[in-house]
Amino acid sequence: MAAGSDGLEDLGDLDENEAEAHVRGVCFKTGPPEQTGVELEWLVQDRSDPRALISADRLDAALAPVEAPGALPRGSRITREPGGQVELSSPPAPALGACVEAMATDLAVLREAADRAGLVLVGKGLDPFRKPPRVLDHPRYRAMEGYFDREGPWGRAMMRRTASLQVNLDCGDDSPGVTGHRYRWALAHRLGPVLVAAFANSPLGTGGPTGWLSTRQATWARMDPGRTRHPRHHPDPGTAWAGYALDARLLCVRRPDAAGDWSAPPGLTFRDWLRGAAPDLRRPTRADLDYHLSTLFPPVRPRGWLELRMIDAQDGDDWIVPTVLAATLMDDPVAAATAWAATEPLCADLGDPLDPLPHDEVWRRAARIGPADPDLAKAARTCFAAAESALARSGAPAALRQALACFAERYPERGRCPADDQLDALSRA
């Protein structure tokens, strides 16, 4: 959710057809699926008092040593989230093992810096104690907060209190098979509820249990559905995404004054802007469209690659498991076919029978009860087993295979997820 560039360079006015073509071109770059990346968000807590608020100055001082050029040896990037969460983004790697190893190396450096400052990086999908203030004063975030405040409290909670894990994978090639971008787009969405359920890790709010195992996912789902839920199915993902993007309401409009008001006219979609429905606004450019794309937050977001954005942050080094699972199920042809079959029950008898993607109700069940749902539990067990077999066939590093197997035995094989550990600990307190 980083702010990105504030440059207002004029790349030329565009019309509706040009905008649709631009979205398809920049968001679905096709080629053989080869690279893997991961982005980890962490809540930052005081080591001795997890309920204490962390000031922006204290966080700045803690991160300064690792934000210097070359401080992270494997080239990961540190960014901040509006509530003081810290995100570490790996560069794309040509192999899954290389991706995990690079992230682990840079994460160790970041953890050491936090420890020196008396801080700890916490892997939970929702802060269970605090409602921190917004610590980033960029006009993007001021406009975002105002936009979401019109809808209810969910936007502020998302911005300030949530943390996720994001797996980044290539879109795929132009073939009709398992390496093709159409298949991979659909498979990522079919796996989405399984990943939500298997890795749910946010059952607690400031008042105790929230009634959801992934309150983070429930929070996203309650926000503006035109930018946080998945697009309607279309045989061509580029067409589906272009329509979704242009029909999403403007969250903000960049203006030259970096300290100014970037608020967008309420209810105005990017398509409306293209059609001249806001005569007081300048004409939109490709740069405006690119920025608008960065304000869309569906579970799977195409950005020239696929961002799988539906997974709660994980405790300790358990971030390795969803990274390995998602990448293996998407990239290994045998595992992908098994995962497709395993998720078939999640797509049946709901909505359009020709739609191969899970209905919103499946996503809600995944967030609310996780592996207690029989179809999700069965799909999770099958997907973990398929990934374990694929890793064995490929000769993947033993550490990755062990991490996946241990997590499978601890959680999906027992019908559990990490959220259950938090609820168990609360009941014993």
Protein backbone atom coordinates (compact mmCIF):
# COMPACT_ATOMS: atom_id res chain seq x y z
CA MET A 1 0.00 0.00 0.00
CA ALA A 2 3.04 2.26 -0.43
CA ALA A 3 2.42 5.77 -1.68
CA GLY A 4 4.72 5.55 -4.68
CA SER A 5 5.81 8.53 -6.74
CA ASP A 6 4.13 11.92 -6.38
CA GLY A 7 5.25 13.00 -9.83
CA LEU A 8 2.45 14.49 -11.93
CA GLU A 9 4.20 14.00 -15.24
CA ASP A 10 1.73 14.29 -18.10
CA LEU A 11 1.88 11.13 -20.17
CA GLY A 12 -0.95 12.35 -22.39
CA ASP A 13 -4.74 12.41 -22.12
CA LEU A 14 -6.38 9.12 -22.93
CA ASP A 15 -9.80 7.92 -23.96
CA GLU A 16 -11.75 4.92 -22.69
CA ASN A 17 -10.47 2.42 -25.26
CA GLU A 18 -6.89 3.50 -24.72
CA ALA A 19 -7.36 3.17 -20.97
CA GLU A 20 -8.69 -0.38 -21.24
CA ALA A 21 -5.83 -1.37 -23.53
CA HIS A 22 -3.31 0.21 -21.18
CA VAL A 23 -4.65 -1.70 -18.17
CA ARG A 24 -4.52 -5.01 -20.04
CA GLY A 25 -1.01 -4.31 -21.28
CA VAL A 26 0.63 -3.24 -18.03
CA CYS A 27 -1.17 -5.62 -15.67
CA PHE A 28 -0.84 -8.89 -17.58
CA LYS A 29 2.70 -9.26 -18.85
CA THR A 30 2.86 -12.80 -20.15
CA GLY A 31 5.73 -15.26 -20.26
CA PRO A 32 6.81 -18.53 -18.66
CA PRO A 33 6.18 -18.52 -14.88
CA GLU A 34 9.66 -18.40 -13.40
CA GLN A 35 10.00 -15.87 -10.58
CA THR A 36 8.77 -15.68 -6.98
CA GLY A 37 8.64 -12.80 -4.54
CA VAL A 38 7.18 -12.28 -1.09
CA GLU A 39 6.12 -9.24 0.95
CA LEU A 40 5.81 -9.48 4.72
CA GLU A 41 3.96 -6.97 6.86
CA TRP A 42 4.66 -6.88 10.58
CA LEU A 43 2.96 -5.21 13.51
CA VAL A 44 5.58 -3.44 15.63
CA GLN A 45 5.25 -3.76 19.41
CA ASP A 46 7.27 -2.77 22.44
CA ARG A 47 9.11 -5.84 23.71
CA SER A 48 8.05 -5.29 27.33
CA ASP A 49 4.57 -3.82 26.76
CA PRO A 50 2.69 -5.02 23.65
CA ARG A 51 -0.12 -2.54 24.37
CA ALA A 52 2.14 0.51 24.19
CA LEU A 53 1.87 2.74 21.15
CA ILE A 54 5.08 3.14 19.15
CA SER A 55 5.79 6.71 18.16
CA ALA A 56 6.85 7.55 14.62
CA ASP A 57 10.12 9.00 15.97
CA ARG A 58 10.95 5.78 17.81
CA LEU A 59 10.21 3.69 14.74
CA ASP A 60 12.25 6.04 12.55
CA ALA A 61 15.24 5.68 14.87
CA ALA A 62 14.93 1.90 14.97
CA LEU A 63 14.74 1.55 11.18
CA ALA A 64 17.33 4.15 10.22
CA PRO A 65 20.27 1.70 10.24
CA VAL A 66 18.53 -0.78 7.91
CA GLU A 67 17.09 1.84 5.58
CA ALA A 68 20.55 2.98 4.52
CA PRO A 69 21.60 1.83 1.03
CA GLY A 70 23.07 -1.67 1.14
CA ALA A 71 22.02 -2.33 4.74
CA LEU A 72 19.87 -5.27 3.68
CA PRO A 73 22.32 -7.65 1.99
CA ARG A 74 19.81 -9.33 -0.33
CA GLY A 75 18.18 -6.16 -1.60
CA SER A 76 14.77 -6.30 0.06
CA ARG A 77 12.86 -3.02 0.42
CA ILE A 78 11.45 -1.58 3.65
CA THR A 79 8.27 0.50 3.58
CA ARG A 80 5.88 1.78 6.24
CA GLU A 81 2.14 1.33 6.53
CA PRO A 82 -0.18 4.04 7.87
CA GLY A 83 -0.47 2.60 11.39
CA GLY A 84 3.24 2.03 11.85
CA GLN A 85 3.35 -1.49 10.44
CA VAL A 86 6.60 -2.34 8.66
CA GLU A 87 6.68 -4.13 5.33
CA LEU A 88 9.67 -6.01 3.92
CA SER A 89 9.48 -6.81 0.20
CA SER A 90 11.89 -9.23 -1.43
CA PRO A 91 13.20 -8.75 -4.95
CA PRO A 92 11.91 -11.36 -7.42
CA ALA A 93 13.97 -14.54 -7.38
CA PRO A 94 14.38 -17.15 -10.13
CA ALA A 95 13.68 -20.03 -7.74
CA LEU A 96 11.47 -20.54 -4.69
CA GLY A 97 14.38 -21.57 -2.47
CA ALA A 98 16.33 -18.47 -3.46
CA CYS A 99 13.35 -16.24 -2.65
CA VAL A 100 12.92 -17.72 0.83
CA GLU A 101 16.65 -17.63 1.57
CA ALA A 102 16.95 -13.98 0.50
CA MET A 103 13.97 -12.90 2.57
CA ALA A 104 15.17 -14.84 5.62
CA THR A 105 18.57 -13.14 5.39
CA ASP A 106 17.17 -9.62 5.19
CA LEU A 107 14.48 -10.32 7.77
CA ALA A 108 17.17 -11.37 10.26
CA VAL A 109 18.84 -7.97 9.80
CA LEU A 110 15.52 -6.16 10.29
CA ARG A 111 14.70 -8.19 13.40
CA GLU A 112 18.10 -7.41 14.89
CA ALA A 113 17.54 -3.69 14.35
CA ALA A 114 14.12 -3.89 15.99
CA ASP A 115 15.54 -5.84 18.91
CA ARG A 116 18.24 -3.22 19.53
CA ALA A 117 15.46 -0.65 19.86
CA GLY A 118 13.45 -2.76 22.29
CA LEU A 119 10.88 -3.57 19.61
CA VAL A 120 9.55 -6.83 18.23
CA LEU A 121 8.04 -7.68 14.84
CA VAL A 122 4.72 -9.47 15.40
CA GLY A 123 3.14 -11.66 12.74
CA LYS A 124 -0.62 -11.41 13.29
CA GLY A 125 -3.29 -10.35 10.84
CA LEU A 126 -4.83 -7.84 13.26
CA ASP A 127 -3.41 -5.95 16.20
CA PRO A 128 -5.18 -7.60 19.17
CA PHE A 129 -4.51 -4.77 21.63
CA ARG A 130 -4.10 -1.36 20.05
CA LYS A 131 -5.89 1.14 17.85
CA PRO A 132 -2.88 3.18 16.76
CA PRO A 133 -3.15 6.61 15.15
CA ARG A 134 -2.21 7.12 11.54
CA VAL A 135 1.49 7.97 11.55
CA LEU A 136 1.93 8.66 7.82
CA ASP A 137 0.80 12.12 6.74
CA HIS A 138 1.06 11.67 2.97
CA PRO A 139 -1.91 13.19 1.10
CA ARG A 140 -2.66 9.73 -0.33
CA TYR A 141 -3.37 8.41 3.14
CA ARG A 142 -5.34 11.46 4.22
CA ALA A 143 -7.55 11.06 1.17
CA MET A 144 -7.78 7.30 1.69
CA GLU A 145 -8.89 7.70 5.28
CA GLY A 146 -11.52 10.26 4.34
CA TYR A 147 -12.77 8.05 1.52
CA PHE A 148 -13.14 4.96 3.71
CA ASP A 149 -14.61 6.92 6.63
CA ARG A 150 -17.70 7.52 4.48
CA GLU A 151 -18.24 3.73 4.40
CA GLY A 152 -17.71 2.93 8.11
CA PRO A 153 -14.84 2.04 10.48
CA TRP A 154 -13.36 -0.75 8.38
CA GLY A 155 -10.99 1.38 6.33
CA ARG A 156 -9.27 2.87 9.36
CA ALA A 157 -8.94 -0.58 10.89
CA MET A 158 -7.40 -1.91 7.69
CA MET A 159 -4.95 0.96 7.37
CA ARG A 160 -3.81 1.08 10.98
CA ARG A 161 -4.24 -2.38 12.52
CA THR A 162 -3.85 -5.11 9.90
CA ALA A 163 -0.85 -6.99 8.53
CA SER A 164 -0.69 -9.49 5.71
CA LEU A 165 1.62 -11.74 3.76
CA GLN A 166 1.72 -11.36 -0.02
CA VAL A 167 3.10 -13.88 -2.50
CA ASN A 168 4.08 -12.52 -5.93
CA LEU A 169 4.11 -14.86 -8.93
CA ASP A 170 4.39 -14.46 -12.69
CA CYS A 171 1.13 -14.08 -14.62
CA GLY A 172 1.96 -16.97 -16.97
CA ASP A 173 2.24 -17.42 -20.70
CA ASP A 174 -0.37 -17.30 -23.47
CA SER A 175 -0.99 -21.05 -23.57
CA PRO A 176 -4.36 -22.59 -22.57
CA GLY A 177 -2.70 -24.98 -20.09
CA VAL A 178 -1.57 -24.80 -16.48
CA THR A 179 1.23 -22.35 -17.30
CA GLY A 180 -1.16 -20.00 -19.08
CA HIS A 181 -2.18 -16.70 -17.55
CA ARG A 182 -5.90 -17.46 -17.81
CA TYR A 183 -5.51 -20.71 -15.88
CA ARG A 184 -3.20 -19.16 -13.30
CA TRP A 185 -5.54 -16.19 -12.75
CA ALA A 186 -8.44 -18.55 -12.08
CA LEU A 187 -6.36 -20.92 -9.95
CA ALA A 188 -5.11 -18.07 -7.75
CA HIS A 189 -8.72 -17.10 -7.04
CA ARG A 190 -9.74 -20.71 -6.39
CA LEU A 191 -6.88 -21.09 -3.92
CA GLY A 192 -7.71 -17.79 -2.23
CA PRO A 193 -10.32 -19.02 0.27
CA VAL A 194 -8.16 -22.08 1.05
CA LEU A 195 -5.23 -19.82 1.89
CA VAL A 196 -7.46 -17.54 3.97
CA ALA A 197 -8.73 -20.53 5.98
CA ALA A 198 -5.44 -22.41 6.36
CA PHE A 199 -3.49 -19.36 7.55
CA ALA A 200 -6.20 -17.42 9.42
CA ASN A 201 -4.38 -15.63 12.23
CA SER A 202 -6.48 -12.69 13.41
CA PRO A 203 -9.31 -13.82 15.73
CA LEU A 204 -8.84 -11.19 18.44
CA GLY A 205 -9.68 -7.51 18.63
CA THR A 206 -9.40 -5.03 21.46
CA GLY A 207 -12.50 -6.49 23.09
CA GLY A 208 -11.56 -10.16 22.78
CA PRO A 209 -12.67 -12.66 20.10
CA THR A 210 -14.22 -10.99 17.07
CA GLY A 211 -16.19 -14.00 15.83
CA TRP A 212 -13.90 -14.34 12.82
CA LEU A 213 -10.73 -16.40 12.50
CA SER A 214 -9.40 -13.96 9.90
CA THR A 215 -10.73 -10.61 11.03
CA ARG A 216 -8.25 -9.01 8.65
CA GLN A 217 -9.94 -10.67 5.65
CA ALA A 218 -13.38 -9.83 7.04
CA THR A 219 -12.30 -6.20 7.39
CA TRP A 220 -11.18 -6.01 3.76
CA ALA A 221 -14.43 -7.63 2.60
CA ARG A 222 -16.55 -5.05 4.43
CA MET A 223 -14.86 -2.16 2.68
CA ASP A 224 -15.64 -0.78 -0.76
CA PRO A 225 -16.41 -3.99 -2.73
CA GLY A 226 -15.58 -2.30 -6.02
CA ARG A 227 -11.91 -2.20 -5.02
CA THR A 228 -11.51 -5.01 -2.45
CA ARG A 229 -13.43 -8.01 -3.85
CA HIS A 230 -12.45 -10.01 -6.89
CA PRO A 231 -13.64 -8.99 -10.37
CA ARG A 232 -16.53 -10.77 -12.02
CA HIS A 233 -15.43 -13.74 -14.06
CA HIS A 234 -14.61 -13.26 -17.72
CA PRO A 235 -12.81 -15.75 -19.98
CA ASP A 236 -10.12 -13.12 -20.53
CA PRO A 237 -8.58 -11.89 -17.25
CA GLY A 238 -7.34 -8.71 -18.89
CA THR A 239 -10.88 -7.77 -19.90
CA ALA A 240 -12.21 -8.60 -16.44
CA TRP A 241 -9.54 -6.52 -14.74
CA ALA A 242 -9.81 -3.55 -17.10
CA GLY A 243 -13.54 -3.33 -16.47
CA TYR A 244 -13.04 -3.67 -12.72
CA ALA A 245 -10.36 -0.98 -12.67
CA LEU A 246 -12.24 1.60 -14.72
CA ASP A 247 -15.48 1.03 -12.80
CA ALA A 248 -13.80 1.45 -9.39
CA ARG A 249 -14.39 4.77 -7.68
CA LEU A 250 -11.51 7.20 -7.40
CA LEU A 251 -9.90 7.02 -3.99
CA CYS A 252 -7.79 10.09 -4.57
CA VAL A 253 -6.64 12.47 -7.28
CA ARG A 254 -2.98 13.47 -7.31
CA ARG A 255 -2.33 17.18 -7.18
CA PRO A 256 0.94 19.15 -7.41
CA ASP A 257 0.82 20.28 -3.79
CA ALA A 258 2.30 17.40 -1.79
CA ALA A 259 0.78 18.86 1.38
CA GLY A 260 -2.60 19.52 -0.20
CA ASP A 261 -5.92 17.76 -0.44
CA TRP A 262 -6.01 14.79 -2.81
CA SER A 263 -9.64 13.92 -2.11
CA ALA A 264 -11.66 12.74 -5.10
CA PRO A 265 -15.26 13.76 -5.85
CA PRO A 266 -17.50 11.24 -4.05
CA GLY A 267 -18.82 8.44 -6.23
CA LEU A 268 -16.69 9.31 -9.27
CA THR A 269 -15.27 6.26 -11.07
CA PHE A 270 -12.25 6.38 -13.31
CA ARG A 271 -14.55 5.65 -16.25
CA ASP A 272 -16.69 8.65 -15.26
CA TRP A 273 -13.55 10.79 -15.20
CA LEU A 274 -12.61 9.59 -18.67
CA ARG A 275 -16.08 10.47 -19.91
CA GLY A 276 -15.89 14.03 -18.62
CA ALA A 277 -18.29 13.63 -15.70
CA ALA A 278 -16.11 15.88 -13.52
CA PRO A 279 -15.67 19.12 -15.49
CA ASP A 280 -13.81 20.77 -12.62
CA LEU A 281 -11.06 18.13 -12.78
CA ARG A 282 -8.28 18.13 -15.35
CA ARG A 283 -8.37 15.33 -17.92
CA PRO A 284 -6.91 12.03 -16.68
CA THR A 285 -3.59 10.77 -18.02
CA ARG A 286 -1.94 7.37 -18.15
CA ALA A 287 0.00 8.38 -15.05
CA ASP A 288 -3.31 8.96 -13.26
CA LEU A 289 -4.54 5.57 -14.39
CA ASP A 290 -1.36 3.87 -13.17
CA TYR A 291 -1.80 5.57 -9.80
CA HIS A 292 -5.46 4.56 -9.66
CA LEU A 293 -4.44 0.93 -10.20
CA SER A 294 -2.27 1.17 -7.08
CA THR A 295 -5.38 2.03 -5.03
CA LEU A 296 -7.22 -1.20 -5.88
CA PHE A 297 -6.91 -3.97 -3.28
CA PRO A 298 -8.61 -7.21 -4.43
CA PRO A 299 -7.42 -10.61 -3.16
CA VAL A 300 -5.49 -11.19 -6.40
CA ARG A 301 -4.07 -8.06 -8.01
CA PRO A 302 -2.34 -8.14 -11.40
CA ARG A 303 0.58 -5.73 -11.72
CA GLY A 304 2.52 -7.38 -14.53
CA TRP A 305 2.63 -10.29 -12.09
CA LEU A 306 0.01 -11.71 -9.71
CA GLU A 307 -0.09 -10.50 -6.11
CA LEU A 308 -1.82 -12.99 -3.81
CA ARG A 309 -2.97 -10.61 -1.07
CA MET A 310 -5.40 -12.67 1.03
CA ILE A 311 -3.10 -14.25 3.63
CA ASP A 312 -2.81 -13.10 7.25
CA ALA A 313 0.65 -12.29 8.60
CA GLN A 314 2.18 -15.33 10.30
CA ASP A 315 4.04 -15.79 13.57
CA GLY A 316 7.82 -16.19 13.60
CA ASP A 317 9.13 -17.95 10.52
CA ASP A 318 5.80 -19.50 9.55
CA TRP A 319 5.70 -16.97 6.69
CA ILE A 320 7.78 -19.54 4.82
CA VAL A 321 4.85 -21.97 4.65
CA PRO A 322 2.26 -19.93 2.71
CA THR A 323 5.04 -18.69 0.44
CA VAL A 324 6.10 -22.23 -0.38
CA LEU A 325 2.55 -23.56 -0.60
CA ALA A 326 1.18 -20.87 -2.90
CA ALA A 327 4.21 -20.83 -5.21
CA THR A 328 4.33 -24.62 -5.49
CA LEU A 329 0.62 -25.04 -6.16
CA MET A 330 0.74 -22.36 -8.83
CA ASP A 331 4.03 -23.31 -10.50
CA ASP A 332 4.22 -27.11 -10.40
CA PRO A 333 1.92 -28.47 -13.18
CA VAL A 334 0.91 -31.62 -11.30
CA ALA A 335 0.26 -29.77 -8.06
CA ALA A 336 -1.68 -27.09 -9.96
CA ALA A 337 -3.97 -29.67 -11.54
CA THR A 338 -4.53 -31.32 -8.14
CA ALA A 339 -5.32 -27.96 -6.53
CA TRP A 340 -7.77 -27.14 -9.32
CA ALA A 341 -9.65 -30.38 -8.70
CA ALA A 342 -9.51 -29.95 -4.92
CA THR A 343 -11.12 -26.50 -5.13
CA GLU A 344 -13.93 -27.60 -7.45
CA PRO A 345 -16.42 -28.01 -4.56
CA LEU A 346 -15.78 -24.39 -3.60
CA CYS A 347 -17.07 -23.24 -6.98
CA ALA A 348 -20.15 -25.48 -7.28
CA ASP A 349 -23.81 -24.58 -6.85
CA LEU A 350 -23.21 -20.92 -6.09
CA GLY A 351 -23.90 -18.15 -8.55
CA ASP A 352 -23.16 -18.69 -12.23
CA PRO A 353 -22.54 -22.40 -13.00
CA LEU A 354 -20.11 -21.31 -15.73
CA ASP A 355 -18.07 -19.25 -13.28
CA PRO A 356 -15.00 -21.28 -12.18
CA LEU A 357 -14.28 -18.99 -9.21
CA PRO A 358 -15.50 -19.26 -5.59
CA HIS A 359 -18.50 -17.15 -4.64
CA ASP A 360 -18.27 -14.38 -2.02
CA GLU A 361 -19.96 -16.68 0.50
CA VAL A 362 -17.03 -19.11 0.29
CA TRP A 363 -14.61 -16.29 1.09
CA ARG A 364 -16.80 -15.31 4.06
CA ARG A 365 -16.84 -18.86 5.40
CA ALA A 366 -13.08 -19.06 5.04
CA ALA A 367 -12.63 -15.89 7.09
CA ARG A 368 -15.25 -16.74 9.70
CA ILE A 369 -14.72 -20.43 10.48
CA GLY A 370 -11.65 -21.43 8.47
CA PRO A 371 -10.87 -25.15 8.52
CA ALA A 372 -14.10 -25.87 10.42
CA ASP A 373 -15.75 -25.70 6.99
CA PRO A 374 -15.57 -29.28 5.61
CA ASP A 375 -14.98 -28.31 1.98
CA LEU A 376 -12.24 -25.85 2.87
CA ALA A 377 -10.62 -28.31 5.27
CA LYS A 378 -10.55 -31.08 2.68
CA ALA A 379 -9.19 -28.75 0.01
CA ALA A 380 -6.46 -27.53 2.38
CA ARG A 381 -5.33 -31.06 3.24
CA THR A 382 -5.23 -32.03 -0.43
CA CYS A 383 -3.33 -28.88 -1.39
CA PHE A 384 -0.71 -29.36 1.33
CA ALA A 385 -0.20 -32.98 0.28
CA ALA A 386 0.11 -31.98 -3.39
CA ALA A 387 2.70 -29.34 -2.53
CA GLU A 388 4.69 -31.77 -0.39
CA SER A 389 4.79 -34.27 -3.26
CA ALA A 390 5.83 -31.56 -5.72
CA LEU A 391 8.66 -30.38 -3.47
CA ALA A 392 9.91 -33.95 -3.14
CA ARG A 393 9.86 -34.44 -6.92
CA SER A 394 11.70 -31.20 -7.55
CA GLY A 395 14.42 -31.79 -4.98
CA ALA A 396 13.53 -28.58 -3.15
CA PRO A 397 15.64 -27.67 -0.10
CA ALA A 398 14.91 -29.93 2.84
CA ALA A 399 14.17 -26.94 5.08
CA LEU A 400 11.24 -25.91 2.86
CA ARG A 401 9.83 -29.41 2.81
CA GLN A 402 10.16 -29.71 6.57
CA ALA A 403 8.49 -26.35 7.21
CA LEU A 404 5.53 -27.32 5.03
CA ALA A 405 5.18 -30.79 6.56
CA CYS A 406 5.39 -29.54 10.16
CA PHE A 407 2.77 -26.86 9.55
CA ALA A 408 0.50 -29.40 7.83
CA GLU A 409 0.72 -31.77 10.77
CA ARG A 410 0.15 -28.97 13.28
CA TYR A 411 -2.82 -27.34 11.55
CA PRO A 412 -4.68 -28.66 8.45
CA GLU A 413 -4.30 -32.32 9.39
CA ARG A 414 -5.95 -31.47 12.72
CA GLY A 415 -8.60 -29.18 11.27
CA ARG A 416 -6.92 -26.15 12.82
CA CYS A 417 -5.30 -22.87 11.82
CA PRO A 418 -3.03 -20.42 13.68
CA ALA A 419 -6.03 -18.44 14.94
CA ASP A 420 -7.00 -21.44 17.05
CA ASP A 421 -3.76 -21.09 19.00
CA GLN A 422 -4.63 -17.50 19.93
CA LEU A 423 -8.12 -18.51 21.02
CA ASP A 424 -6.75 -21.43 23.04
CA ALA A 425 -4.25 -19.15 24.80
CA LEU A 426 -7.03 -16.69 25.61
CA SER A 427 -9.20 -19.43 27.11
CA ARG A 428 -6.31 -20.53 29.35
CA ALA A 429 -5.54 -17.02 30.56
